[in-house]
Amino acid sequence: MIAVGSDHGGFELKKAVCRHLDSRGLKYKDFGTYTDESCDYPDFGKAVAKAVASGEYESGIIICGTGIGISITANKVPGIRAALCGDCFSAEATRLHNDANILALGARVVGEGLALKIVDTFLDTPFSNDERHIRRIKKIEEL
């Protein structure tokens, strides 16, 4: 199951992502926001990150205007490896090499079509399980 959240800046793109997840038959929970009224991205980044860190959700997708603030917020939660991606190569690489468990998107940076391709790449790419990547992730977790 996927945890999804956004602030007002990412609200419209989040709706498109949720429709896309529906079309793929993927289960998710929307942690808000539920309107385009101004709100604070840390509230939603933290909610999604805690849900993923708890193990209740396999992965997360978070969206704000740039993706920067919400990804910084999510990465403050132990066990989270949130990656801000603006292209499919980065989405694939962060899954293969970093075992990223949350995808962050910038709604004012990427268009809907590209964003949905990034989502698919992120969700469909498994972690490589290469020893060198496992070693590096362990070093990140020790920080």
Foldseek 3Di string as FASTA:
>chain_A
DEEEEEFLQCQVLSVLLVVLCVVVVHDYDYPDDPHNPGDDLLVGLCVRLVCCQVVVHQAYEYEHQALPVSQVSSVVDQPADEDEDDAQVSLQCCQQQVVGRYYTYHPNRHDNVRVNSSVCSNVVHHHNPDPVSVVVNVVVNVD
